Amino acid sequence: MDTFQALLERRLASALSAAGLPRAGEVTPAADARFGDYQTNAAMVLAKQRGENPRALAQKIVRAIEVSDFADKPQIAGAGFINFTLRAEAVAAKTAALLNDDRLGVARADSPKKIVIDFSSPNVAKPMHIGHIRSTVLGDALARIAEFLGHDVIRDNHIGDWGTQFGMVIWGWKNLLDRDALARDPIAELVRIYKETNERATADPAIREACREELVKLQAHEPENYGIWKQCVDLSMQEFARTYELLGIRHDIVCGESFYNDRLAGVVERLLASGIAEESEGAIVVFFRDVAELADKPIIVRKKDGGYNYATSDVATVDYRVQDLKRDTCWYVVGAPQTLHFRQIFEIARREGVTADLRHIPFGNILGEDRKLMKTRAGESVPLREVLDEAVERARKIVEEKNPDLAEAEQQEIARKIGLGAVKYADLSQYRMTDYVFSWDKMLSLHGNTAPYLQNAYVRIQSIFRKAGEVPPSSNISLTEPAELVLAKRLCQFAEIVPTILNDFRPNILANYLFELANSFHAFYEACPVLKSEEPARSSRLALCRLTAKTLQRGLALLGIEVPERM
């Protein structure tokens, strides 16, 4: 099903060809609705290229373009913009067609990709903290949207389950472990023994050496130490799984750092053999002398002591994803501080002949009310599970106030959807590189650009249908009131918005669209009686309500957010 934007782009291309002009410019939604629904800058682009008058070129294009079957005669504005206004009958017909389309007009990608998305990636023996929410919900949303658009997606959780810290964890396990505490709260006990061991190792060289020896045994797969490490991983994965289940997040594979351990020596040998890496002061290093921004930023792939690091593991990860998983696209949803690291890894891959599309998708920080990194009063990272539990509890209080007669189980389920949706939406409604302040009052508000506001719009529509009783679905839509036309046009834009999200990995575009849709619905609801109106307006308006609910539900689902039937 063509969108109006796609239809206009095709008609513009035909008109340019008919006028003897090359393709140029683009069709975009109008910046100001007073001047129309869409506009093109084609005449201005061509005028600059050809040294001609833009308004004269615009007139030439307008004479050649044929849009009378769905739009009014194009108008020329300003220096040479061409504006298009949709006809109400065409919008009504398109809206009626969307009612019977499960995809709401969204086309599948012409060239589906085989994508692996690396997101969330918590560290074993540590709790997930508030900072993990950005990678987790952003990666999940991108995966949902990519799948909806027809791409083949593998979700990979690249957990931090290997490294020098495990020497301390294992020493602490053997010497400091409280079994009862481990049973009560495994992650808290693992954090405690690690911290205490670290303090002791800092003060006592003998303990520091003992920790190093424990690490060597682990790396050699000595049975006792490997068994302890495996228990740490299993306990952590159980804890992670509870958080992911609460959030509605899934991963298809979990290939942490340990998964690549046996491949690291081969990576270094290969890089040396190809001349990409070289020995420097006892270490094996990759220099980027011919890349300006990396010329003074080499990367070590094997340390002087023979140990490997994140760089070696990440080169092996690229190998696995491209060669074993057969992916042509790899997305890394990892914080902005790792930008240089991934630039280096991708450059190594390029030198090795990797042609897959490797993308680092960075994001900013979550700030406290003091506009500094969000921390507990003790200066620790805020545990993610505590945040999620508090979100649900705060939402529960709101639900109790608004609807005290609901059964307790229903209140709790509604609170879960509202609380978790609020946390996710607060993040996804921001441009991913923006640092934002975490504010309970703002994210749980029923007003403004929040998940509860959007959920409430959906709930209001469900309330209309409960009051209406049995209403046979109708596709007869007439748009006689301005608010009806505005809402219908907004509904037609969903299919234009969704495919653009992956262009720069910006779910906030979808969030902002849904906010505008909810605003348009509320304006329509205030201006146009639904249940009290006479036929055929009543059926038409109920159809608009039904399509709005479907669009809100689908759009929020693409962001990983559920909608309640009541609030």
Protein backbone atom coordinates (compact mmCIF):
# COMPACT_ATOMS: atom_id res chain seq x y z
CA MET A 1 0.00 0.00 0.00
CA ASP A 2 1.58 3.27 -1.14
CA THR A 3 1.90 6.09 1.36
CA PHE A 4 1.00 9.59 0.23
CA GLN A 5 4.66 10.54 0.54
CA ALA A 6 5.78 7.65 -1.70
CA LEU A 7 3.04 8.48 -4.20
CA LEU A 8 4.13 12.12 -4.35
CA GLU A 9 7.76 11.12 -4.80
CA ARG A 10 6.85 8.96 -7.79
CA ARG A 11 4.68 11.65 -9.33
CA LEU A 12 7.46 14.20 -8.80
CA ALA A 13 9.98 11.92 -10.50
CA SER A 14 7.64 11.51 -13.48
CA ALA A 15 7.06 15.26 -13.68
CA LEU A 16 10.77 16.05 -13.63
CA SER A 17 11.36 13.51 -16.37
CA ALA A 18 8.49 14.94 -18.45
CA ALA A 19 9.91 18.43 -18.02
CA GLY A 20 13.34 17.30 -19.14
CA LEU A 21 14.82 17.76 -15.69
CA PRO A 22 16.98 15.37 -13.65
CA ARG A 23 15.76 13.91 -10.38
CA ALA A 24 16.39 16.25 -7.48
CA GLY A 25 15.12 17.22 -4.07
CA GLU A 26 12.79 15.22 -1.87
CA VAL A 27 9.22 15.19 -0.65
CA THR A 28 8.85 15.81 3.08
CA PRO A 29 5.97 16.53 5.45
CA ALA A 30 5.23 20.26 5.41
CA ALA A 31 6.93 22.23 8.16
CA ASP A 32 3.77 24.33 8.64
CA ALA A 33 0.34 22.73 8.16
CA ARG A 34 -1.07 26.10 7.04
CA PHE A 35 0.79 25.68 3.76
CA GLY A 36 -0.19 22.07 3.07
CA ASP A 37 0.63 18.51 4.02
CA TYR A 38 3.83 17.86 2.03
CA GLN A 39 6.40 19.94 0.23
CA THR A 40 9.36 19.52 -2.08
CA ASN A 41 12.50 21.60 -2.53
CA ALA A 42 13.21 20.09 -5.97
CA ALA A 43 12.97 23.43 -7.80
CA MET A 44 15.40 25.12 -5.40
CA VAL A 45 17.93 22.27 -5.67
CA LEU A 46 17.77 22.29 -9.46
CA ALA A 47 17.95 26.09 -9.62
CA LYS A 48 21.19 26.05 -7.64
CA GLN A 49 22.64 23.34 -9.88
CA ARG A 50 21.61 25.03 -13.13
CA GLY A 51 21.88 28.70 -12.20
CA GLU A 52 18.20 29.32 -12.99
CA ASN A 53 15.30 31.04 -11.26
CA PRO A 54 13.81 28.61 -8.68
CA ARG A 55 10.25 29.92 -8.91
CA ALA A 56 10.33 29.62 -12.70
CA LEU A 57 11.50 26.02 -12.35
CA ALA A 58 8.80 25.40 -9.74
CA GLN A 59 6.14 26.60 -12.18
CA LYS A 60 7.54 24.26 -14.82
CA ILE A 61 7.34 21.32 -12.39
CA VAL A 62 3.82 22.21 -11.26
CA ARG A 63 2.61 22.28 -14.88
CA ALA A 64 4.05 18.78 -15.41
CA ILE A 65 2.99 17.06 -12.20
CA GLU A 66 -0.33 15.20 -11.98
CA VAL A 67 -1.74 14.76 -8.46
CA SER A 68 -5.42 15.69 -8.95
CA ASP A 69 -6.58 12.18 -8.02
CA PHE A 70 -5.53 12.69 -4.39
CA ALA A 71 -4.35 16.29 -3.86
CA ASP A 72 -5.30 19.87 -4.68
CA LYS A 73 -3.34 21.82 -7.27
CA PRO A 74 0.23 22.28 -5.95
CA GLN A 75 1.08 25.75 -4.68
CA ILE A 76 4.42 27.56 -4.98
CA ALA A 77 5.65 29.33 -1.87
CA GLY A 78 8.67 31.34 -0.79
CA ALA A 79 11.81 30.99 -2.85
CA GLY A 80 10.46 28.00 -4.73
CA PHE A 81 8.96 25.40 -2.42
CA ILE A 82 6.13 23.38 -3.94
CA ASN A 83 3.39 22.55 -1.41
CA PHE A 84 0.83 19.75 -1.68
CA THR A 85 -2.50 19.56 0.18
CA LEU A 86 -4.29 16.21 0.31
CA ARG A 87 -7.95 15.98 -0.61
CA ALA A 88 -10.25 14.86 2.19
CA GLU A 89 -11.80 12.10 0.05
CA ALA A 90 -8.36 10.62 -0.66
CA VAL A 91 -7.44 10.70 3.03
CA ALA A 92 -10.74 9.04 3.92
CA ALA A 93 -10.16 6.28 1.39
CA LYS A 94 -6.60 5.68 2.62
CA THR A 95 -7.74 5.63 6.24
CA ALA A 96 -10.47 3.11 5.44
CA ALA A 97 -7.90 0.87 3.73
CA LEU A 98 -5.64 1.02 6.79
CA LEU A 99 -8.46 -0.30 8.99
CA ASN A 100 -8.20 -3.67 7.25
CA ASP A 101 -4.39 -3.80 7.14
CA ASP A 102 -2.64 -5.51 10.05
CA ARG A 103 0.58 -3.70 9.12
CA LEU A 104 -1.15 -0.31 9.10
CA GLY A 105 0.34 0.47 5.71
CA VAL A 106 3.97 -0.22 6.65
CA ALA A 107 5.79 -1.91 3.77
CA ARG A 108 8.46 -4.54 4.31
CA ALA A 109 12.03 -3.65 3.36
CA ASP A 110 12.85 -4.14 -0.32
CA SER A 111 16.22 -5.70 0.57
CA PRO A 112 15.97 -7.51 3.91
CA LYS A 113 19.19 -7.68 5.91
CA LYS A 114 20.60 -10.39 8.15
CA ILE A 115 21.26 -8.44 11.32
CA VAL A 116 22.84 -9.30 14.65
CA ILE A 117 22.14 -6.77 17.39
CA ASP A 118 24.52 -6.69 20.37
CA PHE A 119 22.70 -5.05 23.29
CA SER A 120 22.38 -4.97 27.09
CA SER A 121 25.66 -6.80 27.87
CA PRO A 122 25.79 -6.77 31.70
CA ASN A 123 28.79 -8.02 33.67
CA VAL A 124 28.77 -11.31 35.55
CA ALA A 125 29.04 -11.10 39.36
CA LYS A 126 27.67 -7.56 39.29
CA PRO A 127 24.07 -6.31 39.40
CA MET A 128 22.56 -4.67 36.35
CA HIS A 129 22.40 -0.94 37.07
CA ILE A 130 20.41 2.01 35.76
CA GLY A 131 22.94 2.59 32.97
CA HIS A 132 22.01 -0.75 31.43
CA ILE A 133 18.49 0.48 30.69
CA ARG A 134 19.62 2.51 27.67
CA SER A 135 21.38 -0.30 25.82
CA THR A 136 18.69 -2.79 26.82
CA VAL A 137 15.55 -0.92 25.76
CA LEU A 138 17.18 0.77 22.74
CA GLY A 139 18.50 -2.55 21.42
CA ASP A 140 15.16 -4.24 22.04
CA ALA A 141 13.23 -1.48 20.23
CA LEU A 142 15.58 -1.58 17.23
CA ALA A 143 15.24 -5.37 17.07
CA ARG A 144 11.43 -5.16 17.17
CA ILE A 145 11.33 -2.48 14.48
CA ALA A 146 13.85 -4.27 12.25
CA GLU A 147 11.85 -7.51 12.48
CA PHE A 148 8.60 -5.67 11.72
CA LEU A 149 10.23 -4.26 8.60
CA GLY A 150 11.12 -7.78 7.46
CA HIS A 151 14.78 -8.06 8.44
CA ASP A 152 16.22 -11.32 9.83
CA VAL A 153 17.36 -10.42 13.36
CA ILE A 154 19.50 -12.24 15.93
CA ARG A 155 19.60 -10.66 19.39
CA ASP A 156 22.98 -11.27 21.07
CA ASN A 157 23.76 -10.60 24.74
CA HIS A 158 27.55 -10.16 24.83
CA ILE A 159 27.91 -10.52 28.60
CA GLY A 160 31.12 -9.65 30.47
CA ASP A 161 31.95 -13.09 31.84
CA TRP A 162 35.75 -13.25 31.57
CA GLY A 163 38.63 -11.13 32.74
CA THR A 164 41.06 -10.29 35.53
CA GLN A 165 38.33 -9.55 38.09
CA PHE A 166 37.54 -13.25 38.32
CA GLY A 167 40.87 -13.93 40.03
CA MET A 168 39.58 -11.81 42.93
CA VAL A 169 36.07 -13.28 42.80
CA ILE A 170 37.45 -16.82 42.99
CA TRP A 171 39.86 -15.99 45.85
CA GLY A 172 36.99 -14.33 47.68
CA TRP A 173 34.75 -17.33 47.02
CA LYS A 174 37.34 -19.65 48.58
CA ASN A 175 38.21 -17.46 51.55
CA LEU A 176 35.33 -15.08 52.36
CA LEU A 177 32.10 -16.58 51.03
CA ASP A 178 29.01 -16.58 53.26
CA ARG A 179 26.88 -19.46 51.92
CA ASP A 180 23.71 -18.24 53.61
CA ALA A 181 24.14 -14.76 52.13
CA LEU A 182 24.79 -16.33 48.72
CA ALA A 183 21.51 -18.22 48.95
CA ARG A 184 19.58 -15.07 49.96
CA ASP A 185 21.04 -12.66 47.40
CA PRO A 186 23.71 -14.18 45.14
CA ILE A 187 24.76 -11.02 43.30
CA ALA A 188 25.05 -8.94 46.48
CA GLU A 189 27.30 -11.60 48.02
CA LEU A 190 29.47 -11.83 44.90
CA VAL A 191 29.86 -8.05 44.91
CA ARG A 192 30.75 -8.12 48.62
CA ILE A 193 33.48 -10.75 48.30
CA TYR A 194 34.93 -8.99 45.25
CA LYS A 195 35.09 -5.62 47.02
CA GLU A 196 36.60 -7.08 50.18
CA THR A 197 39.15 -9.08 48.20
CA ASN A 198 40.09 -6.01 46.19
CA GLU A 199 40.67 -4.03 49.40
CA ARG A 200 42.81 -6.80 50.86
CA ALA A 201 44.79 -7.24 47.64
CA THR A 202 45.51 -3.52 47.53
CA ALA A 203 46.96 -3.65 51.04
CA ASP A 204 48.66 -7.07 50.89
CA PRO A 205 50.96 -8.09 48.00
CA ALA A 206 50.64 -11.75 49.00
CA ILE A 207 46.86 -11.69 48.47
CA ARG A 208 47.32 -9.79 45.24
CA GLU A 209 49.66 -12.55 44.02
CA ALA A 210 47.22 -15.22 45.21
CA CYS A 211 44.43 -13.62 43.16
CA ARG A 212 46.67 -13.60 40.12
CA GLU A 213 47.38 -17.31 40.61
CA GLU A 214 43.65 -18.03 40.85
CA LEU A 215 43.16 -16.25 37.55
CA VAL A 216 45.92 -18.27 35.88
CA LYS A 217 44.24 -21.48 37.06
CA LEU A 218 40.91 -20.30 35.66
CA GLN A 219 42.44 -19.42 32.31
CA ALA A 220 43.97 -22.92 32.25
CA HIS A 221 40.51 -24.39 32.96
CA GLU A 222 41.62 -25.90 36.27
CA PRO A 223 38.47 -27.82 37.38
CA GLU A 224 37.87 -26.20 40.78
CA ASN A 225 38.30 -22.63 39.59
CA TYR A 226 36.39 -23.24 36.39
CA GLY A 227 33.58 -24.72 38.46
CA ILE A 228 33.46 -21.64 40.71
CA TRP A 229 33.45 -19.37 37.67
CA LYS A 230 30.62 -21.40 36.12
CA GLN A 231 28.54 -21.04 39.30
CA CYS A 232 29.11 -17.26 39.23
CA VAL A 233 27.95 -17.12 35.61
CA ASP A 234 24.88 -19.28 36.29
CA LEU A 235 23.83 -17.24 39.34
CA SER A 236 24.25 -14.00 37.38
CA MET A 237 22.30 -15.29 34.38
CA GLN A 238 19.43 -16.29 36.65
CA GLU A 239 19.33 -12.77 38.04
CA PHE A 240 19.58 -11.21 34.57
CA ALA A 241 16.78 -13.48 33.35
CA ARG A 242 14.42 -12.20 36.05
CA THR A 243 15.07 -8.62 34.99
CA TYR A 244 14.65 -9.41 31.30
CA GLU A 245 11.41 -11.29 31.98
CA LEU A 246 10.05 -8.30 33.87
CA LEU A 247 11.00 -5.97 31.00
CA GLY A 248 9.73 -8.32 28.28
CA ILE A 249 13.22 -8.51 26.75
CA ARG A 250 14.61 -11.58 25.03
CA HIS A 251 17.92 -12.57 23.49
CA ASP A 252 18.34 -15.29 20.88
CA ILE A 253 21.93 -16.09 21.85
CA VAL A 254 24.21 -15.27 24.79
CA CYS A 255 27.81 -15.26 23.54
CA GLY A 256 29.86 -13.56 26.22
CA GLU A 257 33.59 -12.90 26.28
CA SER A 258 34.36 -16.45 27.46
CA PHE A 259 32.71 -17.83 24.32
CA TYR A 260 35.57 -16.41 22.25
CA ASN A 261 38.40 -17.43 24.57
CA ASP A 262 39.58 -20.36 22.43
CA ARG A 263 39.66 -18.19 19.31
CA LEU A 264 41.94 -15.41 20.59
CA ALA A 265 45.31 -16.98 19.85
CA GLY A 266 44.21 -17.63 16.28
CA VAL A 267 43.09 -14.02 15.88
CA VAL A 268 46.52 -12.69 16.88
CA GLU A 269 48.37 -15.20 14.68
CA ARG A 270 46.20 -14.23 11.72
CA LEU A 271 46.73 -10.50 12.26
CA LEU A 272 50.50 -11.02 12.51
CA ALA A 273 50.61 -13.22 9.40
CA SER A 274 48.70 -10.64 7.36
CA GLY A 275 50.90 -7.76 8.54
CA ILE A 276 47.94 -5.97 10.11
CA ALA A 277 49.50 -6.42 13.56
CA GLU A 278 53.14 -6.17 14.61
CA GLU A 279 55.27 -6.57 17.69
CA SER A 280 55.98 -3.39 19.65
CA GLU A 281 57.80 -3.35 22.99
CA GLY A 282 56.87 -6.96 23.65
CA ALA A 283 53.16 -6.53 22.87
CA ILE A 284 51.29 -7.28 19.65
CA VAL A 285 49.82 -4.05 18.34
CA VAL A 286 47.76 -2.81 15.39
CA PHE A 287 48.80 0.65 14.18
CA PHE A 288 46.57 2.84 12.00
CA ARG A 289 49.23 5.09 10.50
CA ASP A 290 47.23 5.72 7.31
CA VAL A 291 43.99 6.72 9.08
CA ALA A 292 44.17 10.35 10.18
CA GLU A 293 41.89 10.16 13.22
CA LEU A 294 43.55 6.93 14.42
CA ALA A 295 47.17 7.65 13.46
CA ASP A 296 48.24 8.19 17.07
CA LYS A 297 45.83 5.64 18.57
CA PRO A 298 47.17 2.09 18.13
CA ILE A 299 45.40 -0.83 19.79
CA ILE A 300 46.94 -3.78 21.63
CA VAL A 301 45.64 -7.26 20.76
CA ARG A 302 48.08 -9.21 22.95
CA LYS A 303 49.73 -7.80 26.05
CA LYS A 304 53.38 -8.17 27.01
CA ASP A 305 52.50 -10.95 29.44
CA GLY A 306 50.75 -12.89 26.70
CA GLY A 307 47.26 -12.02 27.89
CA TYR A 308 44.43 -10.92 25.63
CA ASN A 309 41.96 -8.06 26.05
CA TYR A 310 38.65 -6.63 24.83
CA ALA A 311 40.13 -5.76 21.45
CA THR A 312 41.14 -9.36 20.74
CA SER A 313 37.76 -10.62 21.88
CA ASP A 314 35.90 -8.08 19.74
CA VAL A 315 37.87 -8.99 16.60
CA ALA A 316 36.91 -12.63 17.26
CA THR A 317 33.31 -11.50 17.76
CA VAL A 318 33.23 -9.90 14.30
CA ASP A 319 34.59 -13.14 12.83
CA TYR A 320 31.88 -15.21 14.50
CA ARG A 321 29.01 -12.93 13.58
CA VAL A 322 30.01 -12.60 9.94
CA GLN A 323 31.38 -16.08 9.23
CA ASP A 324 29.46 -18.38 11.59
CA LEU A 325 26.16 -16.52 11.97
CA LYS A 326 26.28 -15.41 8.31
CA ARG A 327 25.24 -11.85 9.16
CA ASP A 328 25.69 -9.02 6.67
CA THR A 329 24.89 -6.34 9.28
CA CYS A 330 26.19 -6.05 12.86
CA TRP A 331 24.83 -3.42 15.26
CA TYR A 332 26.58 -2.69 18.56
CA VAL A 333 24.31 -0.84 21.00
CA VAL A 334 27.03 0.34 23.38
CA GLY A 335 27.64 3.64 25.20
CA ALA A 336 29.36 6.60 23.55
CA PRO A 337 32.63 6.21 25.55
CA GLN A 338 33.40 3.13 23.41
CA THR A 339 33.31 5.07 20.12
CA LEU A 340 37.09 5.02 19.60
CA HIS A 341 37.30 1.33 20.47
CA PHE A 342 34.73 0.34 17.86
CA ARG A 343 36.28 2.63 15.28
CA GLN A 344 39.52 0.68 15.76
CA ILE A 345 37.83 -2.74 15.67
CA PHE A 346 35.89 -1.88 12.51
CA GLU A 347 39.06 -0.62 10.84
CA ILE A 348 40.79 -3.94 11.60
CA ALA A 349 37.79 -5.76 10.12
CA ARG A 350 37.95 -3.58 7.01
CA ARG A 351 41.65 -4.37 6.59
CA GLU A 352 40.81 -8.06 6.84
CA GLY A 353 38.33 -7.71 4.00
CA VAL A 354 35.10 -7.80 6.00
CA THR A 355 32.33 -6.27 3.89
CA ALA A 356 29.50 -6.56 6.41
CA ASP A 357 27.93 -3.30 7.60
CA LEU A 358 29.35 -2.79 11.11
CA ARG A 359 27.65 -0.04 13.11
CA HIS A 360 28.30 1.27 16.58
CA ILE A 361 25.04 2.73 17.94
CA PRO A 362 26.17 4.93 20.85
CA PHE A 363 24.03 6.62 23.46
CA GLY A 364 24.34 9.21 26.22
CA ASN A 365 23.95 9.05 29.98
CA ILE A 366 21.13 9.00 32.49
CA LEU A 367 21.49 11.84 34.99
CA GLY A 368 20.17 12.40 38.48
CA GLU A 369 18.30 15.52 39.55
CA ASP A 370 21.71 17.17 40.15
CA ARG A 371 22.47 16.64 36.41
CA LYS A 372 25.36 14.32 37.29
CA LEU A 373 25.53 10.59 36.57
CA MET A 374 22.72 8.93 38.48
CA LYS A 375 24.12 7.35 41.67
CA THR A 376 22.93 6.19 45.07
CA ARG A 377 23.67 8.36 48.11
CA ALA A 378 26.66 6.10 48.77
CA GLY A 379 28.01 6.93 45.31
CA GLU A 380 27.19 3.51 43.83
CA SER A 381 25.43 2.83 40.54
CA VAL A 382 21.67 2.55 41.08
CA PRO A 383 20.57 -1.12 40.72
CA LEU A 384 18.23 -1.52 37.76
CA ARG A 385 15.91 -3.93 39.51
CA GLU A 386 15.30 -1.39 42.29
CA VAL A 387 14.36 1.23 39.70
CA LEU A 388 11.94 -1.11 37.95
CA ASP A 389 10.32 -2.24 41.19
CA GLU A 390 9.91 1.37 42.30
CA ALA A 391 8.39 2.30 38.93
CA VAL A 392 5.74 -0.40 39.33
CA GLU A 393 5.06 0.59 42.94
CA ARG A 394 4.66 4.27 42.08
CA ALA A 395 2.35 3.36 39.19
CA ARG A 396 0.34 1.15 41.57
CA LYS A 397 -0.41 4.15 43.77
CA ILE A 398 -1.63 6.11 40.73
CA VAL A 399 -3.88 3.24 39.64
CA GLU A 400 -5.32 2.89 43.16
CA GLU A 401 -6.18 6.60 43.22
CA LYS A 402 -7.81 6.58 39.77
CA ASN A 403 -9.59 3.23 39.99
CA PRO A 404 -9.81 1.95 43.59
CA ASP A 405 -12.57 -0.54 42.75
CA LEU A 406 -10.40 -2.69 40.51
CA ALA A 407 -9.34 -6.09 41.83
CA GLU A 408 -5.88 -6.16 43.36
CA ALA A 409 -4.47 -8.50 40.70
CA GLU A 410 -5.74 -6.23 37.92
CA GLN A 411 -4.33 -3.16 39.65
CA GLN A 412 -0.93 -4.85 39.86
CA GLU A 413 -0.96 -5.87 36.19
CA ILE A 414 -1.95 -2.36 35.09
CA ALA A 415 0.74 -0.89 37.35
CA ARG A 416 3.34 -3.17 35.77
CA LYS A 417 2.45 -1.97 32.27
CA ILE A 418 2.36 1.68 33.28
CA GLY A 419 5.49 1.67 35.44
CA LEU A 420 7.73 -0.27 33.07
CA GLY A 421 6.31 1.57 30.06
CA ALA A 422 7.10 4.89 31.74
CA VAL A 423 10.76 3.94 32.30
CA LYS A 424 11.20 2.65 28.75
CA TYR A 425 9.46 5.59 27.12
CA ALA A 426 11.40 8.15 29.16
CA ASP A 427 14.51 6.74 27.53
CA LEU A 428 13.25 6.00 24.02
CA SER A 429 11.52 9.37 23.58
CA GLN A 430 14.94 11.05 23.84
CA TYR A 431 17.42 11.24 20.98
CA ARG A 432 19.80 8.45 21.96
CA MET A 433 22.85 10.71 22.26
CA THR A 434 21.07 13.09 24.64
CA ASP A 435 21.90 12.95 28.35
CA TYR A 436 18.59 13.12 30.19
CA VAL A 437 17.50 13.66 33.78
CA PHE A 438 15.69 10.72 35.37
CA SER A 439 12.52 12.18 36.91
CA TRP A 440 9.78 10.03 38.43
CA ASP A 441 7.24 12.88 38.38
CA LYS A 442 7.80 13.60 34.71
CA MET A 443 7.88 10.03 33.39
CA LEU A 444 4.76 8.92 35.31
CA SER A 445 2.73 12.02 34.47
CA LEU A 446 -0.56 11.59 32.65
CA HIS A 447 0.19 14.82 30.79
CA GLY A 448 2.91 15.61 28.27
CA ASN A 449 5.13 13.33 26.22
CA THR A 450 5.01 10.25 28.47
CA ALA A 451 4.00 6.62 28.17
CA PRO A 452 1.09 7.03 30.65
CA TYR A 453 -0.32 9.85 28.47
CA LEU A 454 -0.22 7.60 25.39
CA GLN A 455 -1.57 4.62 27.31
CA ASN A 456 -4.36 6.80 28.64
CA ALA A 457 -5.34 7.77 25.08
CA TYR A 458 -5.64 4.06 24.24
CA VAL A 459 -7.63 3.41 27.43
CA ARG A 460 -10.01 6.27 26.62
CA ILE A 461 -10.74 4.68 23.24
CA GLN A 462 -11.38 1.30 24.86
CA SER A 463 -13.79 3.03 27.22
CA ILE A 464 -15.68 4.44 24.23
CA PHE A 465 -16.16 0.95 22.80
CA ARG A 466 -17.23 -0.48 26.16
CA LYS A 467 -19.93 2.19 26.33
CA ALA A 468 -20.90 1.65 22.69
CA GLY A 469 -21.57 -2.05 23.22
CA GLU A 470 -21.60 -4.30 20.15
CA VAL A 471 -20.37 -2.20 17.26
CA PRO A 472 -19.93 -3.92 13.89
CA PRO A 473 -16.62 -2.88 12.30
CA SER A 474 -17.13 -0.21 9.65
CA SER A 475 -14.79 1.01 6.92
CA ASN A 476 -17.04 3.87 5.87
CA ILE A 477 -15.12 7.00 6.76
CA SER A 478 -16.16 10.56 5.99
CA LEU A 479 -14.09 13.52 7.08
CA THR A 480 -16.27 16.59 7.39
CA GLU A 481 -14.79 18.24 10.47
CA PRO A 482 -11.26 19.73 10.63
CA ALA A 483 -10.33 17.63 13.69
CA GLU A 484 -11.38 14.45 11.88
CA LEU A 485 -9.21 15.31 8.89
CA VAL A 486 -6.19 16.16 11.06
CA LEU A 487 -6.47 12.84 12.93
CA ALA A 488 -6.91 10.84 9.74
CA LYS A 489 -3.88 12.46 8.11
CA ARG A 490 -1.84 11.69 11.23
CA LEU A 491 -2.92 8.04 11.07
CA CYS A 492 -1.78 7.84 7.44
CA GLN A 493 1.71 9.00 8.47
CA PHE A 494 2.49 5.91 10.60
CA ALA A 495 3.59 3.99 7.51
CA GLU A 496 5.88 6.87 6.54
CA ILE A 497 7.48 7.16 9.98
CA VAL A 498 8.34 3.57 10.84
CA PRO A 499 10.74 2.84 7.92
CA THR A 500 12.77 5.98 8.71
CA ILE A 501 13.61 4.98 12.30
CA LEU A 502 16.52 2.73 11.35
CA ASN A 503 18.16 5.38 9.16
CA ASP A 504 19.92 6.81 12.21
CA PHE A 505 18.64 4.38 14.85
CA ARG A 506 16.18 6.84 16.36
CA PRO A 507 13.15 5.30 18.08
CA ASN A 508 12.45 8.79 19.43
CA ILE A 509 11.01 9.61 15.99
CA LEU A 510 8.33 6.98 16.58
CA ALA A 511 7.77 8.14 20.17
CA ASN A 512 7.26 11.72 19.03
CA TYR A 513 4.87 10.59 16.29
CA LEU A 514 2.78 8.65 18.82
CA PHE A 515 2.67 11.70 21.09
CA GLU A 516 1.42 13.84 18.21
CA LEU A 517 -1.14 11.15 17.33
CA ALA A 518 -2.43 11.12 20.90
CA ASN A 519 -2.68 14.92 20.82
CA SER A 520 -4.61 14.75 17.55
CA PHE A 521 -6.94 12.14 19.00
CA HIS A 522 -7.65 14.18 22.14
CA ALA A 523 -8.41 17.26 19.98
CA PHE A 524 -10.74 15.14 17.84
CA TYR A 525 -12.42 13.68 20.95
CA GLU A 526 -13.09 17.15 22.35
CA ALA A 527 -14.36 18.61 19.06
CA CYS A 528 -16.33 15.69 17.62
CA PRO A 529 -18.94 13.77 19.66
CA VAL A 530 -18.59 10.06 18.95
CA LEU A 531 -21.34 8.05 20.61
CA LYS A 532 -23.87 10.90 20.60
CA SER A 533 -23.42 11.73 16.92
CA GLU A 534 -25.88 10.62 14.25
CA GLU A 535 -25.13 8.13 11.50
CA PRO A 536 -23.12 8.01 9.30
CA ALA A 537 -20.83 10.26 11.41
CA ARG A 538 -21.07 7.91 14.41
CA SER A 539 -19.74 4.86 12.54
CA SER A 540 -17.08 6.94 10.82
CA ARG A 541 -15.84 8.37 14.10
CA LEU A 542 -15.84 4.97 15.77
CA ALA A 543 -13.73 3.71 12.86
CA LEU A 544 -11.26 6.55 13.43
CA CYS A 545 -11.16 5.63 17.12
CA ARG A 546 -10.54 1.98 16.29
CA LEU A 547 -7.68 2.81 13.91
CA THR A 548 -6.14 5.21 16.44
CA ALA A 549 -6.17 2.49 19.10
CA LYS A 550 -4.59 -0.02 16.71
CA THR A 551 -1.88 2.47 15.76
CA LEU A 552 -1.09 3.44 19.35
CA GLN A 553 -0.94 -0.20 20.38
CA ARG A 554 1.26 -1.21 17.45
CA GLY A 555 3.57 1.79 17.79
CA LEU A 556 4.06 1.29 21.52
CA ALA A 557 4.62 -2.45 20.98
CA LEU A 558 7.46 -1.60 18.59
CA LEU A 559 9.00 0.30 21.50
CA GLY A 560 8.48 -2.68 23.80
CA ILE A 561 5.64 -1.01 25.72
CA GLU A 562 2.32 -2.69 26.55
CA VAL A 563 -1.06 -0.95 26.80
CA PRO A 564 -3.60 -1.65 29.57
CA GLU A 565 -7.31 -1.86 28.83
CA ARG A 566 -8.10 0.27 31.92
CA MET A 567 -6.20 2.73 34.08
